Amino acid sequence: MTLTRQANTPGWWSKYGDIMADWFEAYLGLEAAASVIRTFELQFVHGLFQTEDYARAVTMLGHTRAPADEIERRVSLRLKRQDLLAGPEPPQVWSVIDEGALRRPVGGAAVMRAQLDHLVEVARLRHVTIQVVPFSRGGHAAAGGSFTVLRFSEPEMPDVVYIEQLTSALYLDKHEDVDDYMEVMNHLSTEALTPASSARFVAEIIRDT
């Protein structure tokens, strides 16, 4: 019901409609409305935490034939999303990141070092929690891929699990599906380093980069 009411009010992302898939536009609406965002990232740092150079490198990986001006607009879109974190009532963002996403030098060593520095800074925000699952923990329940769970303050709105694929995305809101993913998320949070230990772990990776 809430999303239906909001559908008649274009979001800030409407000006990017020519380069944005419908399935991702739907996600931006949900992300903007969420009160809690929980994510697990296997390959890349989450879009809400990316630096401009890192975002550009990730964008170029997925759009190898796109012209330079389109790449820059896509990067601008990704960075604009981050205004959410600086808003008057930002959502609580809890991100669990696999060590592999922090070790993979996307964009090169200098870009990755700056990205890790930024991640440490973002983790200091009161409404952001970042945990790392180190390789030493072995396998984990979310080895199949990244996902996001969105929770809303409106009691009539169910939680939504968002799973991005190469050319589409899945939106799951059935209780049994959401419960399964929340169970995995809770296991990941238990297996991961604490936020404080995660910050020290990222600092160690920076020294090694």
N, C-alpha and C. Protein backbone atom coordinates (compact mmCIF):
# COMPACT_ATOMS: atom_id res chain seq x y z
N MET A 1 0.84 -1.20 0.00
CA MET A 1 0.00 0.00 0.00
C MET A 1 0.87 1.25 0.00
N THR A 2 1.91 1.24 0.84
CA THR A 2 2.79 2.40 0.92
C THR A 2 3.49 2.63 -0.40
N LEU A 3 4.01 1.56 -1.00
CA LEU A 3 4.72 1.69 -2.26
C LEU A 3 3.78 2.15 -3.37
N THR A 4 2.53 1.72 -3.31
CA THR A 4 1.55 2.16 -4.31
C THR A 4 1.33 3.66 -4.20
N ARG A 5 1.23 4.17 -2.96
CA ARG A 5 1.05 5.61 -2.76
C ARG A 5 2.27 6.38 -3.26
N GLN A 6 3.46 5.82 -3.03
CA GLN A 6 4.67 6.49 -3.43
C GLN A 6 4.92 6.43 -4.93
N ALA A 7 4.27 5.49 -5.61
CA ALA A 7 4.52 5.27 -7.03
C ALA A 7 4.24 6.52 -7.87
N ASN A 8 3.31 7.36 -7.42
CA ASN A 8 2.96 8.56 -8.17
C ASN A 8 3.92 9.72 -7.93
N THR A 9 4.87 9.52 -7.01
CA THR A 9 5.85 10.56 -6.71
C THR A 9 7.22 10.10 -7.20
N PRO A 10 7.72 10.70 -8.28
CA PRO A 10 9.01 10.26 -8.82
C PRO A 10 10.12 10.42 -7.78
N GLY A 11 10.98 9.41 -7.66
CA GLY A 11 12.12 9.50 -6.78
C GLY A 11 13.26 10.24 -7.46
N TRP A 12 14.32 10.54 -6.69
CA TRP A 12 15.47 11.24 -7.26
C TRP A 12 16.07 10.47 -8.42
N TRP A 13 15.86 9.15 -8.39
CA TRP A 13 16.47 8.28 -9.40
C TRP A 13 15.75 8.32 -10.75
N SER A 14 14.62 9.01 -10.82
CA SER A 14 13.84 9.01 -12.06
C SER A 14 14.63 9.58 -13.24
N LYS A 15 15.55 10.51 -12.97
CA LYS A 15 16.31 11.11 -14.07
C LYS A 15 17.34 10.15 -14.66
N TYR A 16 17.52 9.01 -13.98
CA TYR A 16 18.44 7.99 -14.50
C TYR A 16 17.68 6.86 -15.19
N GLY A 17 16.41 7.08 -15.46
CA GLY A 17 15.57 6.03 -16.01
C GLY A 17 16.06 5.44 -17.31
N ASP A 18 16.78 6.22 -18.10
CA ASP A 18 17.24 5.72 -19.40
C ASP A 18 18.39 4.74 -19.29
N ILE A 19 19.08 4.69 -18.15
CA ILE A 19 20.19 3.76 -17.99
C ILE A 19 19.93 2.72 -16.91
N MET A 20 18.73 2.74 -16.34
CA MET A 20 18.44 1.89 -15.19
C MET A 20 17.33 0.89 -15.51
N ALA A 21 17.57 -0.36 -15.17
CA ALA A 21 16.57 -1.40 -15.38
C ALA A 21 15.40 -1.21 -14.42
N ASP A 22 14.20 -1.61 -14.86
CA ASP A 22 13.02 -1.47 -14.01
C ASP A 22 13.18 -2.20 -12.69
N TRP A 23 13.82 -3.38 -12.74
CA TRP A 23 13.94 -4.18 -11.52
C TRP A 23 14.85 -3.50 -10.49
N PHE A 24 15.81 -2.68 -10.95
CA PHE A 24 16.66 -1.98 -10.00
C PHE A 24 15.99 -0.71 -9.49
N GLU A 25 15.18 -0.10 -10.33
CA GLU A 25 14.42 1.08 -9.90
C GLU A 25 13.51 0.71 -8.74
N ALA A 26 12.91 -0.48 -8.82
CA ALA A 26 12.05 -0.95 -7.72
C ALA A 26 12.86 -1.09 -6.43
N TYR A 27 14.10 -1.58 -6.56
CA TYR A 27 14.94 -1.73 -5.37
C TYR A 27 15.24 -0.38 -4.73
N LEU A 28 15.55 0.62 -5.53
CA LEU A 28 15.87 1.94 -4.98
C LEU A 28 14.71 2.51 -4.18
N GLY A 29 13.49 2.26 -4.66
CA GLY A 29 12.32 2.70 -3.91
C GLY A 29 12.21 2.00 -2.57
N LEU A 30 12.50 0.70 -2.55
CA LEU A 30 12.46 -0.06 -1.30
C LEU A 30 13.59 0.37 -0.36
N GLU A 31 14.77 0.57 -0.92
CA GLU A 31 15.92 0.99 -0.11
C GLU A 31 15.66 2.33 0.56
N ALA A 32 15.06 3.25 -0.19
CA ALA A 32 14.77 4.58 0.34
C ALA A 32 13.72 4.53 1.45
N ALA A 33 12.84 3.53 1.40
CA ALA A 33 11.75 3.43 2.37
C ALA A 33 12.12 2.58 3.58
N ALA A 34 13.21 1.84 3.51
CA ALA A 34 13.56 0.88 4.56
C ALA A 34 14.04 1.58 5.83
N SER A 35 13.74 0.97 6.96
CA SER A 35 14.25 1.46 8.24
C SER A 35 15.48 0.66 8.68
N VAL A 36 15.58 -0.59 8.19
CA VAL A 36 16.74 -1.44 8.48
C VAL A 36 17.16 -2.13 7.18
N ILE A 37 18.45 -2.07 6.88
CA ILE A 37 19.00 -2.73 5.70
C ILE A 37 20.10 -3.67 6.18
N ARG A 38 19.90 -4.96 5.96
CA ARG A 38 20.93 -5.94 6.32
C ARG A 38 21.44 -6.60 5.05
N THR A 39 22.74 -6.65 4.88
CA THR A 39 23.30 -7.17 3.64
C THR A 39 24.41 -8.16 3.90
N PHE A 40 24.57 -9.08 2.96
CA PHE A 40 25.75 -9.92 2.92
C PHE A 40 26.39 -9.73 1.55
N GLU A 41 27.68 -9.43 1.55
CA GLU A 41 28.40 -9.17 0.30
C GLU A 41 29.52 -10.18 0.14
N LEU A 42 29.51 -10.87 -1.00
CA LEU A 42 30.49 -11.91 -1.26
C LEU A 42 31.63 -11.44 -2.16
N GLN A 43 31.33 -10.56 -3.11
CA GLN A 43 32.32 -10.20 -4.12
C GLN A 43 32.77 -8.74 -4.08
N PHE A 44 31.83 -7.83 -3.80
CA PHE A 44 32.16 -6.41 -3.81
C PHE A 44 31.73 -5.75 -2.50
N VAL A 45 32.32 -4.59 -2.21
CA VAL A 45 31.84 -3.74 -1.12
C VAL A 45 30.45 -3.24 -1.50
N HIS A 46 29.55 -3.15 -0.54
CA HIS A 46 28.18 -2.74 -0.82
C HIS A 46 28.14 -1.34 -1.45
N GLY A 47 27.18 -1.13 -2.34
CA GLY A 47 27.06 0.14 -3.06
C GLY A 47 26.94 1.35 -2.16
N LEU A 48 26.35 1.21 -0.99
CA LEU A 48 26.20 2.35 -0.08
C LEU A 48 27.53 2.80 0.52
N PHE A 49 28.56 1.96 0.39
CA PHE A 49 29.86 2.26 1.00
C PHE A 49 30.96 2.50 -0.03
N GLN A 50 30.64 2.50 -1.30
CA GLN A 50 31.69 2.55 -2.32
C GLN A 50 32.22 3.96 -2.55
N THR A 51 33.53 4.06 -2.77
CA THR A 51 34.13 5.33 -3.19
C THR A 51 33.83 5.52 -4.68
N GLU A 52 34.07 6.72 -5.17
CA GLU A 52 33.80 7.01 -6.58
C GLU A 52 34.66 6.14 -7.50
N ASP A 53 35.94 6.03 -7.21
CA ASP A 53 36.83 5.25 -8.08
C ASP A 53 36.49 3.76 -8.04
N TYR A 54 36.17 3.27 -6.87
CA TYR A 54 35.80 1.85 -6.75
C TYR A 54 34.49 1.61 -7.48
N ALA A 55 33.52 2.51 -7.32
CA ALA A 55 32.23 2.38 -8.01
C ALA A 55 32.43 2.38 -9.52
N ARG A 56 33.34 3.23 -9.99
CA ARG A 56 33.61 3.29 -11.43
C ARG A 56 34.20 1.96 -11.91
N ALA A 57 35.12 1.39 -11.14
CA ALA A 57 35.74 0.12 -11.53
C ALA A 57 34.70 -1.00 -11.56
N VAL A 58 33.82 -1.04 -10.57
CA VAL A 58 32.77 -2.06 -10.55
C VAL A 58 31.82 -1.87 -11.72
N THR A 59 31.45 -0.63 -12.00
CA THR A 59 30.53 -0.34 -13.10
C THR A 59 31.12 -0.77 -14.44
N MET A 60 32.40 -0.51 -14.63
CA MET A 60 33.04 -0.87 -15.89
C MET A 60 33.13 -2.38 -16.08
N LEU A 61 33.19 -3.11 -14.99
CA LEU A 61 33.20 -4.57 -15.09
C LEU A 61 31.89 -5.10 -15.68
N GLY A 62 30.79 -4.45 -15.32
CA GLY A 62 29.48 -4.92 -15.77
C GLY A 62 28.99 -4.28 -17.05
N HIS A 63 29.68 -3.23 -17.52
CA HIS A 63 29.22 -2.51 -18.72
C HIS A 63 30.43 -2.19 -19.59
N THR A 64 31.07 -3.24 -20.06
CA THR A 64 32.33 -3.09 -20.78
C THR A 64 32.19 -2.32 -22.09
N ARG A 65 30.99 -2.32 -22.68
CA ARG A 65 30.83 -1.64 -23.97
C ARG A 65 30.15 -0.28 -23.85
N ALA A 66 29.85 0.13 -22.65
CA ALA A 66 29.15 1.40 -22.47
C ALA A 66 30.09 2.58 -22.72
N PRO A 67 29.58 3.67 -23.33
CA PRO A 67 30.41 4.86 -23.54
C PRO A 67 30.75 5.53 -22.21
N ALA A 68 31.77 6.36 -22.24
CA ALA A 68 32.29 6.98 -21.02
C ALA A 68 31.23 7.81 -20.29
N ASP A 69 30.38 8.53 -21.03
CA ASP A 69 29.39 9.37 -20.36
C ASP A 69 28.34 8.52 -19.65
N GLU A 70 28.02 7.37 -20.20
CA GLU A 70 27.07 6.48 -19.52
C GLU A 70 27.69 5.90 -18.26
N ILE A 71 28.96 5.52 -18.32
CA ILE A 71 29.66 5.02 -17.14
C ILE A 71 29.60 6.05 -16.01
N GLU A 72 29.86 7.32 -16.36
CA GLU A 72 29.87 8.37 -15.34
C GLU A 72 28.49 8.58 -14.75
N ARG A 73 27.45 8.47 -15.55
CA ARG A 73 26.09 8.61 -15.02
C ARG A 73 25.75 7.44 -14.09
N ARG A 74 26.20 6.27 -14.44
CA ARG A 74 25.96 5.11 -13.58
C ARG A 74 26.70 5.25 -12.26
N VAL A 75 27.91 5.79 -12.31
CA VAL A 75 28.67 6.05 -11.08
C VAL A 75 27.95 7.11 -10.26
N SER A 76 27.45 8.16 -10.90
CA SER A 76 26.72 9.21 -10.21
C SER A 76 25.48 8.66 -9.51
N LEU A 77 24.79 7.76 -10.18
CA LEU A 77 23.62 7.10 -9.59
C LEU A 77 24.00 6.34 -8.34
N ARG A 78 25.09 5.60 -8.42
CA ARG A 78 25.53 4.80 -7.28
C ARG A 78 25.92 5.68 -6.10
N LEU A 79 26.61 6.78 -6.38
CA LEU A 79 27.03 7.67 -5.30
C LEU A 79 25.85 8.43 -4.70
N LYS A 80 24.87 8.77 -5.53
CA LYS A 80 23.69 9.48 -5.05
C LYS A 80 22.93 8.65 -4.03
N ARG A 81 22.95 7.34 -4.20
CA ARG A 81 22.29 6.46 -3.23
C ARG A 81 22.82 6.68 -1.82
N GLN A 82 24.08 7.05 -1.72
CA GLN A 82 24.72 7.17 -0.41
C GLN A 82 24.21 8.36 0.40
N ASP A 83 23.47 9.26 -0.24
CA ASP A 83 22.85 10.37 0.51
C ASP A 83 21.94 9.83 1.60
N LEU A 84 21.47 8.61 1.41
CA LEU A 84 20.60 7.95 2.39
C LEU A 84 21.27 7.89 3.76
N LEU A 85 22.57 7.69 3.78
CA LEU A 85 23.30 7.54 5.05
C LEU A 85 23.44 8.87 5.79
N ALA A 86 23.33 9.98 5.05
CA ALA A 86 23.52 11.29 5.66
C ALA A 86 22.20 12.02 5.90
N GLY A 87 21.09 11.35 5.66
CA GLY A 87 19.78 11.97 5.82
C GLY A 87 19.43 12.19 7.28
N PRO A 88 18.34 12.92 7.54
CA PRO A 88 17.94 13.21 8.92
C PRO A 88 17.49 11.97 9.69
N GLU A 89 16.95 10.99 8.99
CA GLU A 89 16.53 9.74 9.63
C GLU A 89 17.07 8.56 8.82
N PRO A 90 18.38 8.33 8.89
CA PRO A 90 18.97 7.27 8.07
C PRO A 90 18.56 5.89 8.57
N PRO A 91 18.53 4.91 7.68
CA PRO A 91 18.23 3.55 8.11
C PRO A 91 19.40 2.96 8.88
N GLN A 92 19.12 1.95 9.68
CA GLN A 92 20.19 1.18 10.28
C GLN A 92 20.72 0.23 9.21
N VAL A 93 22.00 0.29 8.93
CA VAL A 93 22.60 -0.55 7.91
C VAL A 93 23.59 -1.50 8.57
N TRP A 94 23.36 -2.78 8.39
CA TRP A 94 24.20 -3.82 9.00
C TRP A 94 24.72 -4.68 7.87
N SER A 95 26.00 -4.57 7.59
CA SER A 95 26.58 -5.26 6.44
C SER A 95 27.62 -6.27 6.90
N VAL A 96 27.45 -7.51 6.44
CA VAL A 96 28.43 -8.56 6.67
C VAL A 96 29.16 -8.79 5.34
N ILE A 97 30.48 -8.74 5.37
CA ILE A 97 31.28 -8.80 4.15
C ILE A 97 32.25 -9.97 4.21
N ASP A 98 32.27 -10.76 3.16
CA ASP A 98 33.24 -11.83 3.07
C ASP A 98 34.64 -11.24 2.84
N GLU A 99 35.65 -11.85 3.44
CA GLU A 99 37.01 -11.34 3.29
C GLU A 99 37.42 -11.21 1.83
N GLY A 100 36.90 -12.09 0.98
CA GLY A 100 37.26 -12.06 -0.43
C GLY A 100 36.93 -10.73 -1.09
N ALA A 101 35.83 -10.11 -0.67
CA ALA A 101 35.45 -8.82 -1.24
C ALA A 101 36.43 -7.72 -0.86
N LEU A 102 37.13 -7.91 0.25
CA LEU A 102 38.10 -6.92 0.71
C LEU A 102 39.50 -7.17 0.16
N ARG A 103 39.75 -8.39 -0.23
CA ARG A 103 41.06 -8.75 -0.77
C ARG A 103 41.14 -8.56 -2.27
N ARG A 104 40.00 -8.56 -2.96
CA ARG A 104 39.98 -8.46 -4.42
C ARG A 104 40.30 -7.02 -4.82
N PRO A 105 41.42 -6.78 -5.51
CA PRO A 105 41.84 -5.40 -5.81
C PRO A 105 41.09 -4.79 -6.99
N VAL A 106 39.82 -4.54 -6.80
CA VAL A 106 38.99 -3.94 -7.86
C VAL A 106 39.51 -2.54 -8.16
N GLY A 107 39.86 -2.30 -9.41
CA GLY A 107 40.39 -0.99 -9.80
C GLY A 107 41.87 -0.81 -9.55
N GLY A 108 42.51 -1.82 -8.95
CA GLY A 108 43.94 -1.72 -8.65
C GLY A 108 44.19 -1.47 -7.18
N ALA A 109 45.44 -1.59 -6.78
CA ALA A 109 45.81 -1.52 -5.37
C ALA A 109 45.47 -0.17 -4.74
N ALA A 110 45.74 0.93 -5.44
CA ALA A 110 45.50 2.26 -4.87
C ALA A 110 44.02 2.51 -4.66
N VAL A 111 43.21 2.14 -5.64
CA VAL A 111 41.75 2.29 -5.53
C VAL A 111 41.22 1.46 -4.37
N MET A 112 41.75 0.24 -4.26
CA MET A 112 41.26 -0.65 -3.20
C MET A 112 41.67 -0.15 -1.82
N ARG A 113 42.85 0.38 -1.72
CA ARG A 113 43.31 0.92 -0.43
C ARG A 113 42.43 2.09 0.02
N ALA A 114 42.11 2.96 -0.92
CA ALA A 114 41.24 4.09 -0.60
C ALA A 114 39.84 3.61 -0.23
N GLN A 115 39.38 2.56 -0.89
CA GLN A 115 38.07 2.00 -0.57
C GLN A 115 38.05 1.42 0.84
N LEU A 116 39.09 0.73 1.20
CA LEU A 116 39.15 0.15 2.54
C LEU A 116 39.23 1.23 3.61
N ASP A 117 39.99 2.30 3.32
CA ASP A 117 40.05 3.44 4.25
C ASP A 117 38.65 4.02 4.45
N HIS A 118 37.92 4.16 3.36
CA HIS A 118 36.56 4.71 3.44
C HIS A 118 35.65 3.78 4.23
N LEU A 119 35.83 2.49 4.06
CA LEU A 119 35.00 1.53 4.79
C LEU A 119 35.21 1.67 6.29
N VAL A 120 36.43 1.89 6.69
CA VAL A 120 36.72 2.10 8.12
C VAL A 120 36.01 3.36 8.62
N GLU A 121 36.01 4.41 7.82
CA GLU A 121 35.35 5.65 8.20
C GLU A 121 33.83 5.46 8.31
N VAL A 122 33.26 4.79 7.32
CA VAL A 122 31.80 4.57 7.32
C VAL A 122 31.39 3.75 8.54
N ALA A 123 32.22 2.80 8.92
CA ALA A 123 31.89 1.93 10.05
C ALA A 123 31.78 2.70 11.36
N ARG A 124 32.30 3.93 11.39
CA ARG A 124 32.22 4.74 12.61
C ARG A 124 30.87 5.44 12.76
N LEU A 125 30.06 5.45 11.70
CA LEU A 125 28.74 6.06 11.79
C LEU A 125 27.89 5.27 12.77
N ARG A 126 27.10 5.99 13.57
CA ARG A 126 26.31 5.32 14.62
C ARG A 126 25.27 4.37 14.06
N HIS A 127 24.82 4.61 12.82
CA HIS A 127 23.77 3.78 12.26
C HIS A 127 24.30 2.73 11.28
N VAL A 128 25.62 2.53 11.27
CA VAL A 128 26.24 1.55 10.37
C VAL A 128 27.01 0.52 11.19
N THR A 129 26.78 -0.75 10.91
CA THR A 129 27.52 -1.85 11.52
C THR A 129 28.15 -2.67 10.40
N ILE A 130 29.45 -2.89 10.49
CA ILE A 130 30.15 -3.67 9.48
C ILE A 130 30.89 -4.82 10.16
N GLN A 131 30.67 -6.02 9.65
CA GLN A 131 31.36 -7.20 10.15
C GLN A 131 32.01 -7.93 8.97
N VAL A 132 33.14 -8.55 9.24
CA VAL A 132 33.87 -9.29 8.21
C VAL A 132 33.87 -10.77 8.56
N VAL A 133 33.60 -11.61 7.56
CA VAL A 133 33.74 -13.05 7.72
C VAL A 133 35.10 -13.44 7.14
N PRO A 134 36.09 -13.74 7.99
CA PRO A 134 37.43 -14.05 7.47
C PRO A 134 37.50 -15.44 6.87
N PHE A 135 38.49 -15.64 6.00
CA PHE A 135 38.69 -16.95 5.39
C PHE A 135 38.89 -18.03 6.46
N SER A 136 39.46 -17.65 7.58
CA SER A 136 39.77 -18.63 8.63
C SER A 136 38.53 -19.29 9.21
N ARG A 137 37.35 -18.69 8.98
CA ARG A 137 36.10 -19.29 9.46
C ARG A 137 35.67 -20.47 8.59
N GLY A 138 36.34 -20.65 7.44
CA GLY A 138 35.96 -21.73 6.54
C GLY A 138 34.73 -21.39 5.73
N GLY A 139 33.98 -22.41 5.32
CA GLY A 139 32.77 -22.17 4.55
C GLY A 139 31.67 -21.59 5.41
N HIS A 140 30.67 -20.99 4.75
CA HIS A 140 29.55 -20.43 5.50
C HIS A 140 28.26 -20.61 4.71
N ALA A 141 27.14 -20.37 5.36
CA ALA A 141 25.83 -20.69 4.80
C ALA A 141 25.46 -19.84 3.59
N ALA A 142 26.11 -18.70 3.42
CA ALA A 142 25.76 -17.79 2.32
C ALA A 142 26.76 -17.85 1.18
N ALA A 143 27.47 -18.97 1.06
CA ALA A 143 28.48 -19.08 0.01
C ALA A 143 27.87 -18.98 -1.38
N GLY A 144 26.56 -19.13 -1.50
CA GLY A 144 25.91 -19.07 -2.80
C GLY A 144 25.82 -17.69 -3.40
N GLY A 145 25.96 -16.64 -2.59
CA GLY A 145 25.90 -15.31 -3.17
C GLY A 145 25.42 -14.23 -2.22
N SER A 146 25.49 -13.00 -2.69
CA SER A 146 25.10 -11.84 -1.89
C SER A 146 23.58 -11.69 -1.84
N PHE A 147 23.10 -11.05 -0.79
CA PHE A 147 21.67 -10.75 -0.69
C PHE A 147 21.46 -9.62 0.31
N THR A 148 20.28 -9.03 0.24
CA THR A 148 19.92 -7.93 1.12
C THR A 148 18.54 -8.19 1.71
N VAL A 149 18.38 -7.91 2.98
CA VAL A 149 17.07 -7.99 3.63
C VAL A 149 16.66 -6.58 4.05
N LEU A 150 15.49 -6.15 3.59
CA LEU A 150 14.99 -4.81 3.87
C LEU A 150 13.82 -4.90 4.85
N ARG A 151 13.87 -4.09 5.88
CA ARG A 151 12.78 -4.05 6.86
C ARG A 151 12.21 -2.64 6.90
N PHE A 152 10.90 -2.52 7.12
CA PHE A 152 10.23 -1.23 7.04
C PHE A 152 9.53 -0.92 8.36
N SER A 153 9.41 0.37 8.66
CA SER A 153 8.79 0.78 9.91
C SER A 153 7.28 0.57 9.90
N GLU A 154 6.68 0.58 8.69
CA GLU A 154 5.23 0.36 8.59
C GLU A 154 4.91 -1.10 8.92
N PRO A 155 4.10 -1.35 9.94
CA PRO A 155 3.85 -2.73 10.37
C PRO A 155 3.17 -3.59 9.32
N GLU A 156 2.44 -2.96 8.38
CA GLU A 156 1.73 -3.76 7.37
C GLU A 156 2.64 -4.20 6.23
N MET A 157 3.87 -3.66 6.18
CA MET A 157 4.78 -4.03 5.11
C MET A 157 5.69 -5.17 5.53
N PRO A 158 5.70 -6.25 4.76
CA PRO A 158 6.58 -7.38 5.11
C PRO A 158 8.03 -7.07 4.79
N ASP A 159 8.94 -7.79 5.44
CA ASP A 159 10.34 -7.72 5.06
C ASP A 159 10.49 -8.22 3.62
N VAL A 160 11.50 -7.72 2.95
CA VAL A 160 11.76 -8.12 1.56
C VAL A 160 13.21 -8.56 1.43
N VAL A 161 13.41 -9.71 0.81
CA VAL A 161 14.76 -10.17 0.48
C VAL A 161 15.02 -9.82 -0.98
N TYR A 162 16.14 -9.17 -1.23
CA TYR A 162 16.52 -8.75 -2.58
C TYR A 162 17.78 -9.52 -2.99
N ILE A 163 17.69 -10.19 -4.13
CA ILE A 163 18.83 -10.95 -4.65
C ILE A 163 19.07 -10.50 -6.09
N GLU A 164 20.18 -9.83 -6.31
CA GLU A 164 20.48 -9.30 -7.64
C GLU A 164 21.16 -10.36 -8.49
N GLN A 165 20.69 -10.48 -9.73
CA GLN A 165 21.28 -11.40 -10.69
C GLN A 165 21.88 -10.60 -11.84
N LEU A 166 22.41 -11.28 -12.84
CA LEU A 166 23.11 -10.59 -13.91
C LEU A 166 22.20 -9.65 -14.69
N THR A 167 21.00 -10.11 -15.04
CA THR A 167 20.09 -9.29 -15.85
C THR A 167 18.73 -9.12 -15.21
N SER A 168 18.60 -9.45 -13.95
CA SER A 168 17.31 -9.33 -13.27
C SER A 168 17.55 -9.40 -11.76
N ALA A 169 16.47 -9.43 -11.01
CA ALA A 169 16.59 -9.55 -9.56
C ALA A 169 15.38 -10.30 -9.02
N LEU A 170 15.56 -10.92 -7.86
CA LEU A 170 14.46 -11.59 -7.16
C LEU A 170 14.06 -10.75 -5.95
N TYR A 171 12.76 -10.66 -5.74
CA TYR A 171 12.21 -9.99 -4.56
C TYR A 171 11.34 -11.01 -3.83
N LEU A 172 11.77 -11.41 -2.66
CA LEU A 172 11.05 -12.42 -1.88
C LEU A 172 10.43 -11.78 -0.66
N ASP A 173 9.11 -11.99 -0.46
CA ASP A 173 8.48 -11.44 0.72
C ASP A 173 7.60 -12.45 1.46
N LYS A 174 7.61 -13.70 1.04
CA LYS A 174 6.88 -14.73 1.78
C LYS A 174 7.61 -14.98 3.10
N HIS A 175 6.83 -15.17 4.16
CA HIS A 175 7.43 -15.32 5.48
C HIS A 175 8.47 -16.43 5.53
N GLU A 176 8.17 -17.57 4.91
CA GLU A 176 9.09 -18.69 4.99
C GLU A 176 10.41 -18.38 4.27
N ASP A 177 10.33 -17.65 3.15
CA ASP A 177 11.55 -17.28 2.43
C ASP A 177 12.38 -16.28 3.24
N VAL A 178 11.70 -15.26 3.76
CA VAL A 178 12.39 -14.24 4.55
C VAL A 178 13.02 -14.87 5.79
N ASP A 179 12.28 -15.77 6.44
CA ASP A 179 12.80 -16.43 7.65
C ASP A 179 14.06 -17.22 7.35
N ASP A 180 14.08 -17.91 6.19
CA ASP A 180 15.26 -18.69 5.82
C ASP A 180 16.48 -17.78 5.65
N TYR A 181 16.28 -16.65 4.96
CA TYR A 181 17.39 -15.74 4.74
C TYR A 181 17.82 -15.04 6.03
N MET A 182 16.85 -14.73 6.89
CA MET A 182 17.21 -14.10 8.16
C MET A 182 18.00 -15.07 9.04
N GLU A 183 17.66 -16.35 8.94
CA GLU A 183 18.42 -17.35 9.70
C GLU A 183 19.87 -17.39 9.22
N VAL A 184 20.05 -17.36 7.90
CA VAL A 184 21.40 -17.33 7.34
C VAL A 184 22.12 -16.06 7.77
N MET A 185 21.42 -14.93 7.71
CA MET A 185 22.03 -13.66 8.10
C MET A 185 22.46 -13.68 9.56
N ASN A 186 21.63 -14.23 10.41
CA ASN A 186 21.97 -14.29 11.83
C ASN A 186 23.17 -15.21 12.06
N HIS A 187 23.24 -16.32 11.32
CA HIS A 187 24.40 -17.20 11.43
C HIS A 187 25.67 -16.48 10.98
N LEU A 188 25.56 -15.73 9.88
CA LEU A 188 26.71 -14.99 9.38
C LEU A 188 27.20 -13.99 10.41
N SER A 189 26.26 -13.29 11.04
CA SER A 189 26.63 -12.29 12.04
C SER A 189 27.34 -12.93 13.23
N THR A 190 26.95 -14.18 13.54
CA THR A 190 27.60 -14.90 14.64
C THR A 190 28.98 -15.38 14.24
N GLU A 191 29.10 -15.86 12.99
CA GLU A 191 30.37 -16.38 12.51
C GLU A 191 31.39 -15.27 12.24
N ALA A 192 30.90 -14.08 11.91
CA ALA A 192 31.79 -12.98 11.55
C ALA A 192 32.50 -12.41 12.77
N LEU A 193 33.56 -11.66 12.50
CA LEU A 193 34.24 -10.94 13.56
C LEU A 193 33.31 -9.87 14.12
N THR A 194 33.51 -9.48 15.35
CA THR A 194 32.73 -8.39 15.93
C THR A 194 33.03 -7.11 15.15
N PRO A 195 32.17 -6.09 15.26
CA PRO A 195 32.46 -4.83 14.56
C PRO A 195 33.84 -4.26 14.90
N ALA A 196 34.21 -4.28 16.17
CA ALA A 196 35.52 -3.74 16.56
C ALA A 196 36.66 -4.56 15.97
N SER A 197 36.53 -5.88 16.04
CA SER A 197 37.56 -6.75 15.47
C SER A 197 37.60 -6.64 13.95
N SER A 198 36.43 -6.41 13.36
CA SER A 198 36.37 -6.24 11.90
C SER A 198 37.13 -4.99 11.47
N ALA A 199 36.99 -3.90 12.23
CA ALA A 199 37.70 -2.66 11.91
C ALA A 199 39.21 -2.88 11.98
N ARG A 200 39.65 -3.62 12.99
CA ARG A 200 41.09 -3.92 13.10
C ARG A 200 41.53 -4.82 11.96
N PHE A 201 40.67 -5.75 11.57
CA PHE A 201 40.99 -6.67 10.48
C PHE A 201 41.15 -5.92 9.16
N VAL A 202 40.23 -4.98 8.90
CA VAL A 202 40.32 -4.17 7.67
C VAL A 202 41.60 -3.34 7.69
N ALA A 203 41.96 -2.81 8.87
CA ALA A 203 43.20 -2.03 8.99
C ALA A 203 44.42 -2.89 8.66
N GLU A 204 44.38 -4.15 9.04
CA GLU A 204 45.48 -5.06 8.72
C GLU A 204 45.56 -5.30 7.21
N ILE A 205 44.40 -5.45 6.58
CA ILE A 205 44.39 -5.64 5.12
C ILE A 205 44.96 -4.40 4.43
N ILE A 206 44.62 -3.21 4.94
CA ILE A 206 45.15 -1.97 4.37
C ILE A 206 46.67 -1.96 4.43
N ARG A 207 47.21 -2.39 5.55
CA ARG A 207 48.67 -2.43 5.69
C ARG A 207 49.29 -3.41 4.72
N ASP A 208 48.54 -4.48 4.39
CA ASP A 208 49.05 -5.50 3.47
C ASP A 208 48.87 -5.13 2.00
N THR A 209 48.03 -4.12 1.74
CA THR A 209 47.69 -3.77 0.34
C THR A 209 48.80 -2.96 -0.32
